[in-house]
Amino acid sequence: EPDGGAAAFHPYDTVFTKLVPELQARGMGEV
């Protein structure tokens, strides 16, 4: 793919920016 598909690269961040906050909002604790 052109530039290895750089424009469509999916970052490794959603677990931390969205999933963990969602789990915490539902009552999941630090442990």
PDB file of all heavy atoms in Angstrom:
ATOM      1  N   GLU A   1       0.837  -1.186   0.000  1.00  0.00           N
ATOM      2  CA  GLU A   1       0.000   0.000   0.000  1.00  0.00           C
ATOM      3  C   GLU A   1       0.884   1.253   0.000  1.00  0.00           C
ATOM      4  O   GLU A   1       2.009   1.224   0.517  1.00  0.00           O
ATOM      5  CB  GLU A   1      -0.928   0.010   1.214  1.00  0.00           C
ATOM      6  CG  GLU A   1      -1.957  -1.107   1.187  1.00  0.00           C
ATOM      7  CD  GLU A   1      -2.996  -0.971   2.282  1.00  0.00           C
ATOM      8  OE1 GLU A   1      -2.941   0.045   3.021  1.00  0.00           O
ATOM      9  OE2 GLU A   1      -3.849  -1.865   2.396  1.00  0.00           O
ATOM     10  N   PRO A   2       0.404   2.363  -0.565  1.00  0.00           N
ATOM     11  CA  PRO A   2       1.205   3.594  -0.572  1.00  0.00           C
ATOM     12  C   PRO A   2       1.617   3.997   0.843  1.00  0.00           C
ATOM     13  O   PRO A   2       0.777   4.047   1.753  1.00  0.00           O
ATOM     14  CB  PRO A   2       0.248   4.627  -1.189  1.00  0.00           C
ATOM     15  CG  PRO A   2      -0.696   3.810  -2.018  1.00  0.00           C
ATOM     16  CD  PRO A   2      -0.877   2.523  -1.274  1.00  0.00           C
ATOM     17  N   ASP A   3       2.915   4.232   1.036  1.00  0.00           N
ATOM     18  CA  ASP A   3       3.458   4.578   2.354  1.00  0.00           C
ATOM     19  C   ASP A   3       3.084   3.541   3.406  1.00  0.00           C
ATOM     20  O   ASP A   3       2.971   3.853   4.591  1.00  0.00           O
ATOM     21  CB  ASP A   3       2.973   5.960   2.806  1.00  0.00           C
ATOM     22  CG  ASP A   3       3.445   7.070   1.891  1.00  0.00           C
ATOM     23  OD1 ASP A   3       4.607   6.994   1.427  1.00  0.00           O
ATOM     24  OD2 ASP A   3       2.665   7.990   1.623  1.00  0.00           O
ATOM     25  N   GLY A   4       2.891   2.293   2.973  1.00  0.00           N
ATOM     26  CA  GLY A   4       2.520   1.239   3.917  1.00  0.00           C
ATOM     27  C   GLY A   4       1.158   1.438   4.544  1.00  0.00           C
ATOM     28  O   GLY A   4       0.871   0.870   5.604  1.00  0.00           O
ATOM     29  N   GLY A   5       0.307   2.227   3.902  1.00  0.00           N
ATOM     30  CA  GLY A   5      -1.011   2.503   4.472  1.00  0.00           C
ATOM     31  C   GLY A   5      -0.950   3.396   5.687  1.00  0.00           C
ATOM     32  O   GLY A   5      -1.802   3.302   6.580  1.00  0.00           O
ATOM     33  N   ALA A   6       0.050   4.276   5.732  1.00  0.00           N
ATOM     34  CA  ALA A   6       0.267   5.117   6.918  1.00  0.00           C
ATOM     35  C   ALA A   6      -0.963   5.926   7.289  1.00  0.00           C
ATOM     36  O   ALA A   6      -1.259   6.129   8.468  1.00  0.00           O
ATOM     37  CB  ALA A   6       1.463   6.050   6.680  1.00  0.00           C
ATOM     38  N   ALA A   7      -1.716   6.370   6.286  1.00  0.00           N
ATOM     39  CA  ALA A   7      -2.883   7.208   6.569  1.00  0.00           C
ATOM     40  C   ALA A   7      -3.979   6.434   7.294  1.00  0.00           C
ATOM     41  O   ALA A   7      -4.814   7.031   7.986  1.00  0.00           O
ATOM     42  CB  ALA A   7      -3.429   7.790   5.265  1.00  0.00           C
ATOM     43  N   ALA A   8      -3.976   5.111   7.147  1.00  0.00           N
ATOM     44  CA  ALA A   8      -5.009   4.287   7.777  1.00  0.00           C
ATOM     45  C   ALA A   8      -4.482   3.515   8.984  1.00  0.00           C
ATOM     46  O   ALA A   8      -5.165   2.612   9.483  1.00  0.00           O
ATOM     47  CB  ALA A   8      -5.576   3.307   6.750  1.00  0.00           C
ATOM     48  N   PHE A   9      -3.291   3.848   9.444  1.00  0.00           N
ATOM     49  CA  PHE A   9      -2.683   3.137  10.579  1.00  0.00           C
ATOM     50  C   PHE A   9      -3.565   3.296  11.816  1.00  0.00           C
ATOM     51  O   PHE A   9      -3.958   4.395  12.180  1.00  0.00           O
ATOM     52  CB  PHE A   9      -1.298   3.714  10.866  1.00  0.00           C
ATOM     53  CG  PHE A   9      -0.432   2.836  11.724  1.00  0.00           C
ATOM     54  CD1 PHE A   9       0.602   2.105  11.162  1.00  0.00           C
ATOM     55  CD2 PHE A   9      -0.625   2.744  13.098  1.00  0.00           C
ATOM     56  CE1 PHE A   9       1.420   1.301  11.954  1.00  0.00           C
ATOM     57  CE2 PHE A   9       0.175   1.950  13.885  1.00  0.00           C
ATOM     58  CZ  PHE A   9       1.210   1.210  13.312  1.00  0.00           C
ATOM     59  N   HIS A  10      -3.880   2.178  12.455  1.00  0.00           N
ATOM     60  CA  HIS A  10      -4.686   2.212  13.674  1.00  0.00           C
ATOM     61  C   HIS A  10      -3.757   2.247  14.888  1.00  0.00           C
ATOM     62  O   HIS A  10      -2.980   1.320  15.096  1.00  0.00           O
ATOM     63  CB  HIS A  10      -5.594   0.989  13.752  1.00  0.00           C
ATOM     64  CG  HIS A  10      -6.608   0.927  12.659  1.00  0.00           C
ATOM     65  ND1 HIS A  10      -7.715   1.753  12.615  1.00  0.00           N
ATOM     66  CD2 HIS A  10      -6.677   0.163  11.553  1.00  0.00           C
ATOM     67  CE1 HIS A  10      -8.421   1.491  11.554  1.00  0.00           C
ATOM     68  NE2 HIS A  10      -7.812   0.526  10.868  1.00  0.00           N
ATOM     69  N   PRO A  11      -3.809   3.287  15.690  1.00  0.00           N
ATOM     70  CA  PRO A  11      -2.875   3.419  16.813  1.00  0.00           C
ATOM     71  C   PRO A  11      -3.169   2.443  17.941  1.00  0.00           C
ATOM     72  O   PRO A  11      -4.252   1.855  18.017  1.00  0.00           O
ATOM     73  CB  PRO A  11      -3.062   4.865  17.270  1.00  0.00           C
ATOM     74  CG  PRO A  11      -4.437   5.221  16.830  1.00  0.00           C
ATOM     75  CD  PRO A  11      -4.687   4.464  15.560  1.00  0.00           C
ATOM     76  N   TYR A  12      -2.189   2.314  18.811  1.00  0.00           N
ATOM     77  CA  TYR A  12      -2.284   1.393  19.949  1.00  0.00           C
ATOM     78  C   TYR A  12      -2.702   2.165  21.209  1.00  0.00           C
ATOM     79  O   TYR A  12      -2.029   2.093  22.241  1.00  0.00           O
ATOM     80  CB  TYR A  12      -0.936   0.719  20.204  1.00  0.00           C
ATOM     81  CG  TYR A  12      -0.165   0.276  18.981  1.00  0.00           C
ATOM     82  CD1 TYR A  12       1.009   0.929  18.609  1.00  0.00           C
ATOM     83  CD2 TYR A  12      -0.577  -0.814  18.228  1.00  0.00           C
ATOM     84  CE1 TYR A  12       1.750   0.516  17.503  1.00  0.00           C
ATOM     85  CE2 TYR A  12       0.153  -1.240  17.113  1.00  0.00           C
ATOM     86  CZ  TYR A  12       1.315  -0.569  16.758  1.00  0.00           C
ATOM     87  OH  TYR A  12       2.041  -0.980  15.668  1.00  0.00           O
ATOM     88  N   ASP A  13      -3.810   2.896  21.148  1.00  0.00           N
ATOM     89  CA  ASP A  13      -4.107   3.791  22.274  1.00  0.00           C
ATOM     90  C   ASP A  13      -5.508   3.674  22.864  1.00  0.00           C
ATOM     91  O   ASP A  13      -5.745   4.113  23.990  1.00  0.00           O
ATOM     92  CB  ASP A  13      -3.862   5.254  21.866  1.00  0.00           C
ATOM     93  CG  ASP A  13      -4.748   5.719  20.715  1.00  0.00           C
ATOM     94  OD1 ASP A  13      -5.560   4.923  20.191  1.00  0.00           O
ATOM     95  OD2 ASP A  13      -4.611   6.896  20.325  1.00  0.00           O
ATOM     96  N   THR A  14      -6.470   3.085  22.151  1.00  0.00           N
ATOM     97  CA  THR A  14      -7.863   3.159  22.569  1.00  0.00           C
ATOM     98  C   THR A  14      -8.126   2.429  23.883  1.00  0.00           C
ATOM     99  O   THR A  14      -9.011   2.823  24.656  1.00  0.00           O
ATOM    100  CB  THR A  14      -8.783   2.602  21.465  1.00  0.00           C
ATOM    101  OG1 THR A  14      -8.473   3.249  20.230  1.00  0.00           O
ATOM    102  CG2 THR A  14     -10.237   2.834  21.791  1.00  0.00           C
ATOM    103  N   VAL A  15      -7.384   1.371  24.160  1.00  0.00           N
ATOM    104  CA  VAL A  15      -7.530   0.692  25.457  1.00  0.00           C
ATOM    105  C   VAL A  15      -7.379   1.690  26.602  1.00  0.00           C
ATOM    106  O   VAL A  15      -8.124   1.642  27.589  1.00  0.00           O
ATOM    107  CB  VAL A  15      -6.508  -0.451  25.594  1.00  0.00           C
ATOM    108  CG1 VAL A  15      -6.388  -0.921  27.047  1.00  0.00           C
ATOM    109  CG2 VAL A  15      -6.899  -1.629  24.696  1.00  0.00           C
ATOM    110  N   PHE A  16      -6.445   2.615  26.446  1.00  0.00           N
ATOM    111  CA  PHE A  16      -6.108   3.534  27.537  1.00  0.00           C
ATOM    112  C   PHE A  16      -6.937   4.825  27.497  1.00  0.00           C
ATOM    113  O   PHE A  16      -7.312   5.355  28.548  1.00  0.00           O
ATOM    114  CB  PHE A  16      -4.617   3.860  27.485  1.00  0.00           C
ATOM    115  CG  PHE A  16      -3.778   2.621  27.391  1.00  0.00           C
ATOM    116  CD1 PHE A  16      -3.288   2.187  26.165  1.00  0.00           C
ATOM    117  CD2 PHE A  16      -3.547   1.829  28.510  1.00  0.00           C
ATOM    118  CE1 PHE A  16      -2.548   1.016  26.057  1.00  0.00           C
ATOM    119  CE2 PHE A  16      -2.821   0.667  28.420  1.00  0.00           C
ATOM    120  CZ  PHE A  16      -2.325   0.250  27.189  1.00  0.00           C
ATOM    121  N   THR A  17      -7.241   5.294  26.299  1.00  0.00           N
ATOM    122  CA  THR A  17      -7.962   6.560  26.200  1.00  0.00           C
ATOM    123  C   THR A  17      -9.470   6.404  26.308  1.00  0.00           C
ATOM    124  O   THR A  17     -10.166   7.350  26.681  1.00  0.00           O
ATOM    125  CB  THR A  17      -7.639   7.265  24.868  1.00  0.00           C
ATOM    126  OG1 THR A  17      -8.047   6.426  23.769  1.00  0.00           O
ATOM    127  CG2 THR A  17      -6.140   7.556  24.761  1.00  0.00           C
ATOM    128  N   LYS A  18      -9.992   5.199  26.005  1.00  0.00           N
ATOM    129  CA  LYS A  18     -11.447   5.030  26.001  1.00  0.00           C
ATOM    130  C   LYS A  18     -11.935   3.805  26.783  1.00  0.00           C
ATOM    131  O   LYS A  18     -12.890   3.894  27.552  1.00  0.00           O
ATOM    132  CB  LYS A  18     -11.971   4.961  24.562  1.00  0.00           C
ATOM    133  CG  LYS A  18     -11.763   6.264  23.788  1.00  0.00           C
ATOM    134  CD  LYS A  18     -12.436   6.238  22.429  1.00  0.00           C
ATOM    135  CE  LYS A  18     -12.198   7.552  21.671  1.00  0.00           C
ATOM    136  NZ  LYS A  18     -12.774   8.709  22.373  1.00  0.00           N
ATOM    137  N   LEU A  19     -11.303   2.632  26.584  1.00  0.00           N
ATOM    138  CA  LEU A  19     -11.831   1.433  27.238  1.00  0.00           C
ATOM    139  C   LEU A  19     -11.650   1.480  28.745  1.00  0.00           C
ATOM    140  O   LEU A  19     -12.603   1.228  29.498  1.00  0.00           O
ATOM    141  CB  LEU A  19     -11.172   0.168  26.668  1.00  0.00           C
ATOM    142  CG  LEU A  19     -11.653  -1.150  27.297  1.00  0.00           C
ATOM    143  CD1 LEU A  19     -13.149  -1.340  27.114  1.00  0.00           C
ATOM    144  CD2 LEU A  19     -10.878  -2.338  26.727  1.00  0.00           C
ATOM    145  N   VAL A  20     -10.439   1.770  29.212  1.00  0.00           N
ATOM    146  CA  VAL A  20     -10.221   1.814  30.664  1.00  0.00           C
ATOM    147  C   VAL A  20     -11.112   2.864  31.330  1.00  0.00           C
ATOM    148  O   VAL A  20     -11.751   2.568  32.358  1.00  0.00           O
ATOM    149  CB  VAL A  20      -8.730   2.042  30.988  1.00  0.00           C
ATOM    150  CG1 VAL A  20      -8.543   2.377  32.470  1.00  0.00           C
ATOM    151  CG2 VAL A  20      -7.916   0.792  30.632  1.00  0.00           C
ATOM    152  N   PRO A  21     -11.221   4.099  30.803  1.00  0.00           N
ATOM    153  CA  PRO A  21     -12.155   5.048  31.412  1.00  0.00           C
ATOM    154  C   PRO A  21     -13.598   4.539  31.442  1.00  0.00           C
ATOM    155  O   PRO A  21     -14.326   4.775  32.414  1.00  0.00           O
ATOM    156  CB  PRO A  21     -12.025   6.288  30.520  1.00  0.00           C
ATOM    157  CG  PRO A  21     -10.636   6.217  29.999  1.00  0.00           C
ATOM    158  CD  PRO A  21     -10.393   4.753  29.766  1.00  0.00           C
ATOM    159  N   GLU A  22     -14.017   3.820  30.399  1.00  0.00           N
ATOM    160  CA  GLU A  22     -15.372   3.271  30.381  1.00  0.00           C
ATOM    161  C   GLU A  22     -15.539   2.203  31.460  1.00  0.00           C
ATOM    162  O   GLU A  22     -16.558   2.159  32.170  1.00  0.00           O
ATOM    163  CB  GLU A  22     -15.674   2.676  29.005  1.00  0.00           C
ATOM    164  CG  GLU A  22     -17.036   1.999  28.893  1.00  0.00           C
ATOM    165  CD  GLU A  22     -18.206   2.952  29.049  1.00  0.00           C
ATOM    166  OE1 GLU A  22     -18.025   4.173  28.859  1.00  0.00           O
ATOM    167  OE2 GLU A  22     -19.319   2.469  29.369  1.00  0.00           O
ATOM    168  N   LEU A  23     -14.554   1.339  31.612  1.00  0.00           N
ATOM    169  CA  LEU A  23     -14.619   0.318  32.662  1.00  0.00           C
ATOM    170  C   LEU A  23     -14.635   0.956  34.047  1.00  0.00           C
ATOM    171  O   LEU A  23     -15.371   0.515  34.940  1.00  0.00           O
ATOM    172  CB  LEU A  23     -13.429  -0.637  32.524  1.00  0.00           C
ATOM    173  CG  LEU A  23     -13.418  -1.518  31.275  1.00  0.00           C
ATOM    174  CD1 LEU A  23     -12.098  -2.271  31.168  1.00  0.00           C
ATOM    175  CD2 LEU A  23     -14.589  -2.499  31.284  1.00  0.00           C
ATOM    176  N   GLN A  24     -13.842   1.990  34.236  1.00  0.00           N
ATOM    177  CA  GLN A  24     -13.833   2.688  35.519  1.00  0.00           C
ATOM    178  C   GLN A  24     -15.169   3.365  35.794  1.00  0.00           C
ATOM    179  O   GLN A  24     -15.655   3.367  36.934  1.00  0.00           O
ATOM    180  CB  GLN A  24     -12.692   3.705  35.531  1.00  0.00           C
ATOM    181  CG  GLN A  24     -11.308   3.055  35.562  1.00  0.00           C
ATOM    182  CD  GLN A  24     -10.179   4.044  35.351  1.00  0.00           C
ATOM    183  OE1 GLN A  24     -10.338   5.047  34.637  1.00  0.00           O
ATOM    184  NE2 GLN A  24      -9.027   3.771  35.935  1.00  0.00           N
ATOM    185  N   ALA A  25     -15.779   3.917  34.762  1.00  0.00           N
ATOM    186  CA  ALA A  25     -17.088   4.549  34.925  1.00  0.00           C
ATOM    187  C   ALA A  25     -18.149   3.528  35.315  1.00  0.00           C
ATOM    188  O   ALA A  25     -19.161   3.878  35.937  1.00  0.00           O
ATOM    189  CB  ALA A  25     -17.488   5.260  33.639  1.00  0.00           C
ATOM    190  N   ARG A  26     -17.921   2.271  34.970  1.00  0.00           N
ATOM    191  CA  ARG A  26     -18.867   1.199  35.323  1.00  0.00           C
ATOM    192  C   ARG A  26     -18.500   0.526  36.640  1.00  0.00           C
ATOM    193  O   ARG A  26     -19.054  -0.510  36.992  1.00  0.00           O
ATOM    194  CB  ARG A  26     -18.917   0.166  34.205  1.00  0.00           C
ATOM    195  CG  ARG A  26     -19.425   0.705  32.877  1.00  0.00           C
ATOM    196  CD  ARG A  26     -19.775  -0.435  31.952  1.00  0.00           C
ATOM    197  NE  ARG A  26     -19.999  -0.010  30.585  1.00  0.00           N
ATOM    198  CZ  ARG A  26     -20.476  -0.809  29.634  1.00  0.00           C
ATOM    199  NH1 ARG A  26     -20.783  -2.075  29.936  1.00  0.00           N
ATOM    200  NH2 ARG A  26     -20.654  -0.377  28.410  1.00  0.00           N
ATOM    201  N   GLY A  27     -17.525   1.092  37.344  1.00  0.00           N
ATOM    202  CA  GLY A  27     -17.221   0.612  38.681  1.00  0.00           C
ATOM    203  C   GLY A  27     -15.993  -0.244  38.825  1.00  0.00           C
ATOM    204  O   GLY A  27     -15.696  -0.736  39.925  1.00  0.00           O
ATOM    205  N   MET A  28     -15.229  -0.435  37.751  1.00  0.00           N
ATOM    206  CA  MET A  28     -14.026  -1.250  37.854  1.00  0.00           C
ATOM    207  C   MET A  28     -12.921  -0.453  38.531  1.00  0.00           C
ATOM    208  O   MET A  28     -12.665   0.698  38.181  1.00  0.00           O
ATOM    209  CB  MET A  28     -13.573  -1.725  36.471  1.00  0.00           C
ATOM    210  CG  MET A  28     -12.390  -2.676  36.514  1.00  0.00           C
ATOM    211  SD  MET A  28     -12.099  -3.529  34.930  1.00  0.00           S
ATOM    212  CE  MET A  28     -13.435  -4.744  34.992  1.00  0.00           C
ATOM    213  N   GLY A  29     -12.267  -1.070  39.494  1.00  0.00           N
ATOM    214  CA  GLY A  29     -11.254  -0.383  40.279  1.00  0.00           C
ATOM    215  C   GLY A  29      -9.849  -0.593  39.767  1.00  0.00           C
ATOM    216  O   GLY A  29      -9.600  -1.314  38.792  1.00  0.00           O
ATOM    217  N   GLU A  30      -8.897   0.016  40.455  1.00  0.00           N
ATOM    218  CA  GLU A  30      -7.506  -0.016  40.045  1.00  0.00           C
ATOM    219  C   GLU A  30      -6.942  -1.436  40.029  1.00  0.00           C
ATOM    220  O   GLU A  30      -6.177  -1.799  39.143  1.00  0.00           O
ATOM    221  CB  GLU A  30      -6.685   0.860  40.989  1.00  0.00           C
ATOM    222  CG  GLU A  30      -5.214   0.953  40.650  1.00  0.00           C
ATOM    223  CD  GLU A  30      -4.462   1.876  41.601  1.00  0.00           C
ATOM    224  OE1 GLU A  30      -5.105   2.685  42.291  1.00  0.00           O
ATOM    225  OE2 GLU A  30      -3.226   1.765  41.649  1.00  0.00           O
ATOM    226  N   VAL A  31      -7.330  -2.229  41.019  1.00  0.00           N
ATOM    227  CA  VAL A  31      -6.822  -3.603  41.091  1.00  0.00           C
ATOM    228  C   VAL A  31      -7.277  -4.410  39.885  1.00  0.00           C
ATOM    229  O   VAL A  31      -6.494  -5.168  39.288  1.00  0.00           O
ATOM    230  CB  VAL A  31      -7.279  -4.270  42.397  1.00  0.00           C
ATOM    231  CG1 VAL A  31      -6.942  -5.760  42.395  1.00  0.00           C
ATOM    232  CG2 VAL A  31      -6.636  -3.589  43.595  1.00  0.00           C
TER     233      VAL A  31
END
